[in-house]
N, C-alpha and C. Protein backbone atom coordinates (compact mmCIF):
# COMPACT_ATOMS: atom_id res chain seq x y z
N MET A 1 -19.79 -0.01 20.15
CA MET A 1 -18.34 0.08 20.03
C MET A 1 -17.85 -0.62 18.76
N LEU A 2 -18.44 -1.78 18.45
CA LEU A 2 -18.06 -2.51 17.25
C LEU A 2 -18.33 -1.69 16.00
N ASN A 3 -19.46 -0.99 15.99
CA ASN A 3 -19.78 -0.16 14.81
C ASN A 3 -18.72 0.92 14.59
N ALA A 4 -18.27 1.55 15.65
CA ALA A 4 -17.24 2.58 15.52
C ALA A 4 -15.94 1.97 15.00
N LEU A 5 -15.57 0.80 15.51
CA LEU A 5 -14.37 0.10 15.04
C LEU A 5 -14.49 -0.23 13.55
N GLU A 6 -15.65 -0.69 13.14
CA GLU A 6 -15.86 -1.02 11.73
C GLU A 6 -15.68 0.20 10.84
N VAL A 7 -16.26 1.31 11.24
CA VAL A 7 -16.18 2.53 10.45
C VAL A 7 -14.75 3.05 10.42
N VAL A 8 -14.10 3.13 11.57
CA VAL A 8 -12.73 3.63 11.63
C VAL A 8 -11.81 2.75 10.78
N THR A 9 -11.95 1.45 10.91
CA THR A 9 -11.11 0.53 10.14
C THR A 9 -11.33 0.71 8.65
N THR A 10 -12.58 0.80 8.23
CA THR A 10 -12.89 0.97 6.82
C THR A 10 -12.34 2.29 6.28
N VAL A 11 -12.44 3.34 7.06
CA VAL A 11 -11.91 4.64 6.63
C VAL A 11 -10.39 4.59 6.53
N VAL A 12 -9.73 4.01 7.53
CA VAL A 12 -8.26 3.93 7.51
C VAL A 12 -7.78 3.12 6.31
N VAL A 13 -8.41 1.98 6.06
CA VAL A 13 -8.02 1.15 4.91
C VAL A 13 -8.37 1.86 3.61
N GLY A 14 -9.52 2.52 3.56
CA GLY A 14 -9.91 3.25 2.36
C GLY A 14 -8.96 4.38 2.02
N LEU A 15 -8.51 5.11 3.03
CA LEU A 15 -7.54 6.17 2.79
C LEU A 15 -6.21 5.60 2.29
N MET A 16 -5.80 4.47 2.85
CA MET A 16 -4.57 3.82 2.39
C MET A 16 -4.70 3.41 0.93
N VAL A 17 -5.84 2.85 0.58
CA VAL A 17 -6.08 2.47 -0.81
C VAL A 17 -6.02 3.71 -1.71
N GLY A 18 -6.60 4.80 -1.27
CA GLY A 18 -6.58 6.03 -2.06
C GLY A 18 -5.17 6.54 -2.29
N VAL A 19 -4.36 6.52 -1.25
CA VAL A 19 -2.98 6.98 -1.40
C VAL A 19 -2.23 6.08 -2.37
N GLU A 20 -2.34 4.77 -2.19
CA GLU A 20 -1.61 3.84 -3.04
C GLU A 20 -2.12 3.89 -4.49
N PHE A 21 -3.41 4.06 -4.67
CA PHE A 21 -3.97 4.22 -6.01
C PHE A 21 -3.41 5.48 -6.66
N SER A 22 -3.36 6.57 -5.89
CA SER A 22 -2.82 7.83 -6.39
C SER A 22 -1.35 7.70 -6.77
N VAL A 23 -0.58 6.99 -5.95
CA VAL A 23 0.83 6.76 -6.29
C VAL A 23 0.93 6.04 -7.64
N ALA A 24 0.13 4.98 -7.79
CA ALA A 24 0.22 4.15 -9.00
C ALA A 24 -0.24 4.89 -10.25
N PHE A 25 -1.33 5.62 -10.15
CA PHE A 25 -1.95 6.13 -11.37
C PHE A 25 -1.87 7.64 -11.56
N VAL A 26 -1.36 8.36 -10.55
CA VAL A 26 -1.22 9.81 -10.67
C VAL A 26 0.23 10.23 -10.46
N MET A 27 0.74 10.01 -9.26
CA MET A 27 2.07 10.51 -8.92
C MET A 27 3.17 9.92 -9.80
N ASN A 28 3.16 8.62 -10.01
CA ASN A 28 4.20 8.03 -10.85
C ASN A 28 4.14 8.55 -12.28
N ARG A 29 2.94 8.81 -12.80
CA ARG A 29 2.81 9.39 -14.15
C ARG A 29 3.41 10.79 -14.18
N ILE A 30 3.15 11.57 -13.13
CA ILE A 30 3.70 12.92 -13.06
C ILE A 30 5.22 12.86 -12.99
N LEU A 31 5.75 12.04 -12.09
CA LEU A 31 7.20 11.94 -11.92
C LEU A 31 7.87 11.42 -13.19
N ASP A 32 7.25 10.44 -13.84
CA ASP A 32 7.84 9.88 -15.06
C ASP A 32 7.87 10.89 -16.20
N ALA A 33 7.02 11.91 -16.17
CA ALA A 33 6.99 12.92 -17.23
C ALA A 33 8.05 14.01 -17.03
N LEU A 34 8.69 14.03 -15.87
CA LEU A 34 9.73 15.03 -15.61
C LEU A 34 11.03 14.64 -16.30
N PRO A 35 11.92 15.59 -16.50
CA PRO A 35 13.24 15.25 -17.05
C PRO A 35 13.93 14.20 -16.16
N GLU A 36 14.80 13.41 -16.76
CA GLU A 36 15.38 12.22 -16.11
C GLU A 36 15.88 12.46 -14.69
N ASP A 37 16.73 13.46 -14.46
CA ASP A 37 17.26 13.69 -13.11
C ASP A 37 16.14 14.06 -12.15
N SER A 38 15.24 14.93 -12.57
CA SER A 38 14.13 15.33 -11.70
C SER A 38 13.21 14.16 -11.41
N SER A 39 12.96 13.34 -12.41
CA SER A 39 12.13 12.16 -12.23
C SER A 39 12.73 11.23 -11.17
N GLN A 40 14.00 10.94 -11.34
CA GLN A 40 14.66 10.03 -10.40
C GLN A 40 14.71 10.62 -9.00
N LEU A 41 15.02 11.90 -8.88
CA LEU A 41 15.04 12.55 -7.57
C LEU A 41 13.66 12.55 -6.92
N GLY A 42 12.62 12.76 -7.72
CA GLY A 42 11.25 12.73 -7.21
C GLY A 42 10.87 11.35 -6.71
N HIS A 43 11.22 10.33 -7.48
CA HIS A 43 10.95 8.95 -7.04
C HIS A 43 11.69 8.64 -5.74
N ALA A 44 12.94 9.08 -5.64
CA ALA A 44 13.72 8.83 -4.42
C ALA A 44 13.09 9.54 -3.22
N HIS A 45 12.68 10.79 -3.42
CA HIS A 45 12.06 11.53 -2.31
C HIS A 45 10.75 10.87 -1.90
N GLY A 46 9.94 10.50 -2.88
CA GLY A 46 8.69 9.80 -2.57
C GLY A 46 8.94 8.50 -1.85
N GLY A 47 9.98 7.78 -2.24
CA GLY A 47 10.33 6.54 -1.57
C GLY A 47 10.72 6.76 -0.12
N ARG A 48 11.43 7.83 0.14
CA ARG A 48 11.80 8.14 1.53
C ARG A 48 10.57 8.55 2.34
N MET A 49 9.77 9.44 1.77
CA MET A 49 8.62 9.97 2.49
C MET A 49 7.57 8.88 2.76
N LEU A 50 7.12 8.23 1.71
CA LEU A 50 6.09 7.22 1.89
C LEU A 50 6.65 5.95 2.52
N GLY A 51 7.92 5.69 2.31
CA GLY A 51 8.55 4.54 2.94
C GLY A 51 8.57 4.64 4.45
N ALA A 52 8.51 5.85 4.97
CA ALA A 52 8.46 6.04 6.42
C ALA A 52 7.04 5.91 6.98
N VAL A 53 6.04 6.26 6.18
CA VAL A 53 4.66 6.30 6.65
C VAL A 53 3.89 5.01 6.37
N MET A 54 4.08 4.46 5.20
CA MET A 54 3.22 3.35 4.77
C MET A 54 3.36 2.08 5.62
N PRO A 55 4.55 1.73 6.10
CA PRO A 55 4.60 0.52 6.95
C PRO A 55 3.67 0.62 8.17
N VAL A 56 3.64 1.79 8.79
CA VAL A 56 2.76 1.99 9.95
C VAL A 56 1.30 1.87 9.52
N TRP A 57 0.99 2.43 8.36
CA TRP A 57 -0.38 2.40 7.85
C TRP A 57 -0.80 0.97 7.51
N TYR A 58 0.06 0.23 6.84
CA TYR A 58 -0.27 -1.16 6.48
C TYR A 58 -0.45 -2.02 7.72
N ILE A 59 0.50 -1.94 8.64
CA ILE A 59 0.41 -2.77 9.85
C ILE A 59 -0.76 -2.31 10.71
N GLY A 60 -0.94 -1.01 10.84
CA GLY A 60 -2.08 -0.49 11.60
C GLY A 60 -3.40 -0.94 11.02
N SER A 61 -3.52 -0.93 9.71
CA SER A 61 -4.75 -1.40 9.06
C SER A 61 -4.98 -2.87 9.35
N LEU A 62 -3.93 -3.65 9.26
CA LEU A 62 -4.03 -5.08 9.53
C LEU A 62 -4.44 -5.34 10.97
N VAL A 63 -3.87 -4.60 11.90
CA VAL A 63 -4.24 -4.74 13.32
C VAL A 63 -5.70 -4.39 13.53
N LEU A 64 -6.16 -3.29 12.95
CA LEU A 64 -7.56 -2.90 13.08
C LEU A 64 -8.49 -3.97 12.52
N VAL A 65 -8.14 -4.52 11.37
CA VAL A 65 -8.97 -5.58 10.78
C VAL A 65 -8.96 -6.81 11.68
N GLY A 66 -7.81 -7.12 12.25
CA GLY A 66 -7.73 -8.26 13.18
C GLY A 66 -8.61 -8.06 14.40
N ILE A 67 -8.61 -6.85 14.94
CA ILE A 67 -9.46 -6.56 16.10
C ILE A 67 -10.93 -6.66 15.71
N TRP A 68 -11.26 -6.12 14.53
CA TRP A 68 -12.65 -6.20 14.03
C TRP A 68 -13.05 -7.67 13.88
N ALA A 69 -12.19 -8.47 13.27
CA ALA A 69 -12.51 -9.89 13.07
C ALA A 69 -12.73 -10.59 14.41
N GLY A 70 -11.89 -10.29 15.38
CA GLY A 70 -12.05 -10.92 16.70
C GLY A 70 -13.29 -10.45 17.42
N ALA A 71 -13.52 -9.15 17.42
CA ALA A 71 -14.67 -8.58 18.14
C ALA A 71 -15.99 -8.92 17.46
N GLY A 72 -15.95 -9.11 16.16
CA GLY A 72 -17.20 -9.37 15.42
C GLY A 72 -17.32 -10.79 14.93
N TRP A 73 -16.59 -11.70 15.57
CA TRP A 73 -16.53 -13.08 15.10
C TRP A 73 -17.91 -13.71 14.93
N ASP A 74 -18.85 -13.39 15.80
CA ASP A 74 -20.19 -14.00 15.75
C ASP A 74 -21.20 -13.13 15.00
N HIS A 75 -20.72 -12.13 14.29
CA HIS A 75 -21.61 -11.26 13.52
C HIS A 75 -21.57 -11.61 12.03
N ASP A 76 -22.62 -11.19 11.33
CA ASP A 76 -22.63 -11.35 9.88
C ASP A 76 -21.43 -10.61 9.28
N GLY A 77 -20.85 -11.18 8.26
CA GLY A 77 -19.75 -10.53 7.58
C GLY A 77 -18.39 -10.86 8.14
N ALA A 78 -18.33 -11.67 9.19
CA ALA A 78 -17.03 -12.00 9.81
C ALA A 78 -16.11 -12.68 8.80
N GLY A 79 -16.65 -13.52 7.96
CA GLY A 79 -15.83 -14.19 6.94
C GLY A 79 -15.23 -13.21 5.96
N LEU A 80 -16.00 -12.18 5.63
CA LEU A 80 -15.48 -11.14 4.73
C LEU A 80 -14.34 -10.37 5.39
N VAL A 81 -14.48 -10.09 6.67
CA VAL A 81 -13.44 -9.35 7.40
C VAL A 81 -12.17 -10.20 7.50
N VAL A 82 -12.34 -11.49 7.78
CA VAL A 82 -11.18 -12.39 7.87
C VAL A 82 -10.49 -12.48 6.51
N THR A 83 -11.26 -12.57 5.45
CA THR A 83 -10.68 -12.61 4.11
C THR A 83 -9.95 -11.31 3.78
N ALA A 84 -10.55 -10.18 4.17
CA ALA A 84 -9.88 -8.89 3.99
C ALA A 84 -8.57 -8.87 4.76
N GLY A 85 -8.57 -9.42 5.96
CA GLY A 85 -7.35 -9.50 6.76
C GLY A 85 -6.29 -10.35 6.08
N ALA A 86 -6.72 -11.45 5.47
CA ALA A 86 -5.78 -12.30 4.74
C ALA A 86 -5.19 -11.55 3.55
N LEU A 87 -6.00 -10.77 2.86
CA LEU A 87 -5.50 -9.98 1.73
C LEU A 87 -4.53 -8.89 2.20
N LEU A 88 -4.85 -8.26 3.31
CA LEU A 88 -3.94 -7.24 3.84
C LEU A 88 -2.63 -7.88 4.30
N THR A 89 -2.72 -9.09 4.84
CA THR A 89 -1.50 -9.82 5.21
C THR A 89 -0.68 -10.09 3.96
N LEU A 90 -1.33 -10.52 2.89
CA LEU A 90 -0.64 -10.74 1.62
C LEU A 90 0.04 -9.45 1.15
N SER A 91 -0.64 -8.32 1.29
CA SER A 91 -0.06 -7.05 0.85
C SER A 91 1.18 -6.69 1.67
N VAL A 92 1.17 -7.01 2.95
CA VAL A 92 2.34 -6.75 3.80
C VAL A 92 3.49 -7.67 3.40
N VAL A 93 3.19 -8.94 3.17
CA VAL A 93 4.23 -9.89 2.75
C VAL A 93 4.81 -9.47 1.40
N MET A 94 3.94 -9.10 0.46
CA MET A 94 4.41 -8.61 -0.84
C MET A 94 5.31 -7.40 -0.66
N SER A 95 4.90 -6.49 0.20
CA SER A 95 5.69 -5.28 0.44
C SER A 95 7.07 -5.64 0.94
N ILE A 96 7.13 -6.48 1.96
CA ILE A 96 8.42 -6.83 2.57
C ILE A 96 9.32 -7.57 1.59
N LEU A 97 8.74 -8.52 0.86
CA LEU A 97 9.57 -9.37 -0.02
C LEU A 97 9.87 -8.75 -1.37
N LEU A 98 8.96 -7.95 -1.92
CA LEU A 98 9.10 -7.50 -3.30
C LEU A 98 9.34 -6.00 -3.44
N LEU A 99 8.57 -5.19 -2.73
CA LEU A 99 8.62 -3.75 -2.96
C LEU A 99 9.63 -3.03 -2.09
N VAL A 100 9.71 -3.36 -0.82
CA VAL A 100 10.62 -2.65 0.08
C VAL A 100 12.08 -2.77 -0.34
N PRO A 101 12.56 -3.94 -0.77
CA PRO A 101 13.97 -3.99 -1.19
C PRO A 101 14.29 -3.01 -2.34
N ILE A 102 13.38 -2.90 -3.30
CA ILE A 102 13.60 -1.95 -4.40
C ILE A 102 13.52 -0.52 -3.86
N ASN A 103 12.51 -0.24 -3.04
CA ASN A 103 12.36 1.10 -2.49
C ASN A 103 13.57 1.50 -1.64
N ASN A 104 14.11 0.56 -0.88
CA ASN A 104 15.28 0.88 -0.04
C ASN A 104 16.49 1.28 -0.89
N ARG A 105 16.61 0.68 -2.05
CA ARG A 105 17.69 1.10 -2.96
C ARG A 105 17.35 2.45 -3.58
N ASN A 106 16.13 2.57 -4.09
CA ASN A 106 15.69 3.77 -4.79
C ASN A 106 15.83 5.02 -3.93
N LYS A 107 15.49 4.94 -2.67
CA LYS A 107 15.48 6.16 -1.85
C LYS A 107 16.87 6.70 -1.56
N THR A 108 17.90 5.94 -1.88
CA THR A 108 19.28 6.43 -1.68
C THR A 108 19.92 6.94 -2.97
N TRP A 109 19.25 6.74 -4.09
CA TRP A 109 19.84 7.12 -5.38
C TRP A 109 19.82 8.62 -5.60
N THR A 110 20.86 9.07 -6.25
CA THR A 110 20.96 10.44 -6.75
C THR A 110 21.40 10.32 -8.21
N PRO A 111 21.35 11.40 -8.96
CA PRO A 111 21.85 11.32 -10.34
C PRO A 111 23.31 10.86 -10.42
N ASP A 112 24.07 11.05 -9.35
CA ASP A 112 25.48 10.67 -9.36
C ASP A 112 25.72 9.20 -9.00
N ASN A 113 24.82 8.58 -8.25
CA ASN A 113 25.09 7.21 -7.81
C ASN A 113 24.06 6.18 -8.25
N ARG A 114 23.07 6.60 -9.01
CA ARG A 114 22.03 5.64 -9.42
C ARG A 114 22.62 4.60 -10.36
N PRO A 115 22.11 3.38 -10.31
CA PRO A 115 22.62 2.35 -11.20
C PRO A 115 22.11 2.57 -12.63
N ALA A 116 22.76 1.95 -13.57
CA ALA A 116 22.38 2.09 -14.97
C ALA A 116 20.96 1.59 -15.22
N ASP A 117 20.53 0.60 -14.44
CA ASP A 117 19.20 0.01 -14.65
C ASP A 117 18.14 0.59 -13.70
N TRP A 118 18.32 1.82 -13.24
CA TRP A 118 17.39 2.38 -12.26
C TRP A 118 15.96 2.44 -12.78
N LYS A 119 15.79 2.75 -14.06
CA LYS A 119 14.43 2.81 -14.62
C LYS A 119 13.79 1.43 -14.64
N GLN A 120 14.56 0.41 -14.97
CA GLN A 120 14.04 -0.95 -14.99
C GLN A 120 13.64 -1.39 -13.58
N GLN A 121 14.44 -1.00 -12.59
CA GLN A 121 14.11 -1.35 -11.21
C GLN A 121 12.82 -0.65 -10.76
N LEU A 122 12.67 0.62 -11.14
CA LEU A 122 11.44 1.33 -10.79
C LEU A 122 10.24 0.74 -11.53
N ASN A 123 10.43 0.32 -12.77
CA ASN A 123 9.33 -0.33 -13.51
C ASN A 123 8.93 -1.65 -12.84
N ARG A 124 9.92 -2.37 -12.35
CA ARG A 124 9.62 -3.62 -11.63
C ARG A 124 8.83 -3.31 -10.36
N TRP A 125 9.25 -2.30 -9.60
CA TRP A 125 8.52 -1.88 -8.40
C TRP A 125 7.09 -1.53 -8.77
N GLU A 126 6.94 -0.80 -9.87
CA GLU A 126 5.61 -0.36 -10.29
C GLU A 126 4.70 -1.54 -10.62
N ARG A 127 5.22 -2.54 -11.30
CA ARG A 127 4.41 -3.73 -11.62
C ARG A 127 3.96 -4.43 -10.34
N PHE A 128 4.87 -4.61 -9.39
CA PHE A 128 4.49 -5.20 -8.10
C PHE A 128 3.47 -4.33 -7.38
N HIS A 129 3.66 -3.02 -7.49
CA HIS A 129 2.75 -2.09 -6.81
C HIS A 129 1.33 -2.20 -7.38
N TYR A 130 1.20 -2.35 -8.70
CA TYR A 130 -0.13 -2.52 -9.29
C TYR A 130 -0.84 -3.73 -8.70
N VAL A 131 -0.11 -4.82 -8.53
CA VAL A 131 -0.71 -6.03 -7.95
C VAL A 131 -1.11 -5.75 -6.50
N ARG A 132 -0.22 -5.09 -5.76
CA ARG A 132 -0.53 -4.77 -4.36
C ARG A 132 -1.76 -3.87 -4.27
N VAL A 133 -1.87 -2.90 -5.16
CA VAL A 133 -3.04 -2.02 -5.16
C VAL A 133 -4.31 -2.84 -5.41
N ALA A 134 -4.27 -3.77 -6.33
CA ALA A 134 -5.43 -4.61 -6.59
C ALA A 134 -5.80 -5.43 -5.35
N VAL A 135 -4.79 -5.92 -4.65
CA VAL A 135 -5.03 -6.72 -3.44
C VAL A 135 -5.69 -5.86 -2.35
N ILE A 136 -5.18 -4.65 -2.14
CA ILE A 136 -5.77 -3.84 -1.07
C ILE A 136 -7.13 -3.26 -1.47
N ILE A 137 -7.36 -3.05 -2.76
CA ILE A 137 -8.71 -2.65 -3.20
C ILE A 137 -9.69 -3.78 -2.91
N ALA A 138 -9.29 -5.01 -3.18
CA ALA A 138 -10.16 -6.15 -2.88
C ALA A 138 -10.44 -6.24 -1.38
N ALA A 139 -9.42 -6.03 -0.56
CA ALA A 139 -9.62 -6.05 0.89
C ALA A 139 -10.60 -4.95 1.32
N PHE A 140 -10.41 -3.76 0.77
CA PHE A 140 -11.30 -2.64 1.09
C PHE A 140 -12.75 -2.96 0.67
N ALA A 141 -12.92 -3.51 -0.51
CA ALA A 141 -14.26 -3.86 -0.98
C ALA A 141 -14.92 -4.87 -0.06
N LEU A 142 -14.15 -5.83 0.43
CA LEU A 142 -14.70 -6.80 1.38
C LEU A 142 -15.12 -6.13 2.69
N LEU A 143 -14.32 -5.19 3.16
CA LEU A 143 -14.69 -4.50 4.41
C LEU A 143 -15.95 -3.67 4.22
N VAL A 144 -16.06 -3.00 3.09
CA VAL A 144 -17.28 -2.21 2.82
C VAL A 144 -18.48 -3.13 2.74
N THR A 145 -18.32 -4.28 2.11
CA THR A 145 -19.41 -5.24 2.01
C THR A 145 -19.78 -5.78 3.39
N ALA A 146 -18.79 -6.00 4.23
CA ALA A 146 -19.07 -6.50 5.59
C ALA A 146 -19.85 -5.49 6.42
N LEU A 147 -19.73 -4.22 6.11
CA LEU A 147 -20.49 -3.18 6.83
C LEU A 147 -21.98 -3.24 6.52
N ALA A 148 -22.30 -3.72 5.33
CA ALA A 148 -23.71 -3.71 4.87
C ALA A 148 -24.58 -4.69 5.62
C-alpha cells in the first residue's frame, strides 16, 4: 500500500510541476506575444481557470506527502519526504501571501478596468512564480529520490 501511495503522490506532484513549469516558460510567453488586449484577457482567463484548480492541487499534493511521511516514517527516505513536504508548505505559503493576491486582481481585469500598472503587476507575479516553480521542482526531485 505504501508503494502505491508513493507512486501516486509522486505522479500528482510531478504533474503539478509540469503544469506550473508550462505556465512559466510556455503559456506566459505565448500570452505575452499577443496584442495587448488579447494578452491581458488571456492572462485574466488563465488566472480564473488555474486559480480554481491549483489550490486543490497544491493542498492535495501536500496532504499526500504528509500521509506518505507518516506512513513511511520508519522507511529509508523519510527525511527526503519530510523535506519535500516542507518545500510544498513553503510553496503554499508563497502562493497565499504573494501570488494569489495578484492573481485575484488579475482575473477580474478587462481592457476597460485594468490598472495602468497591470503589466508590472503581472511581471511581479511571474517573478514570484519562477521562485515557486523552483521550490516545487526541488520538492518533486526529493520525492523521486525517496522512491529510489
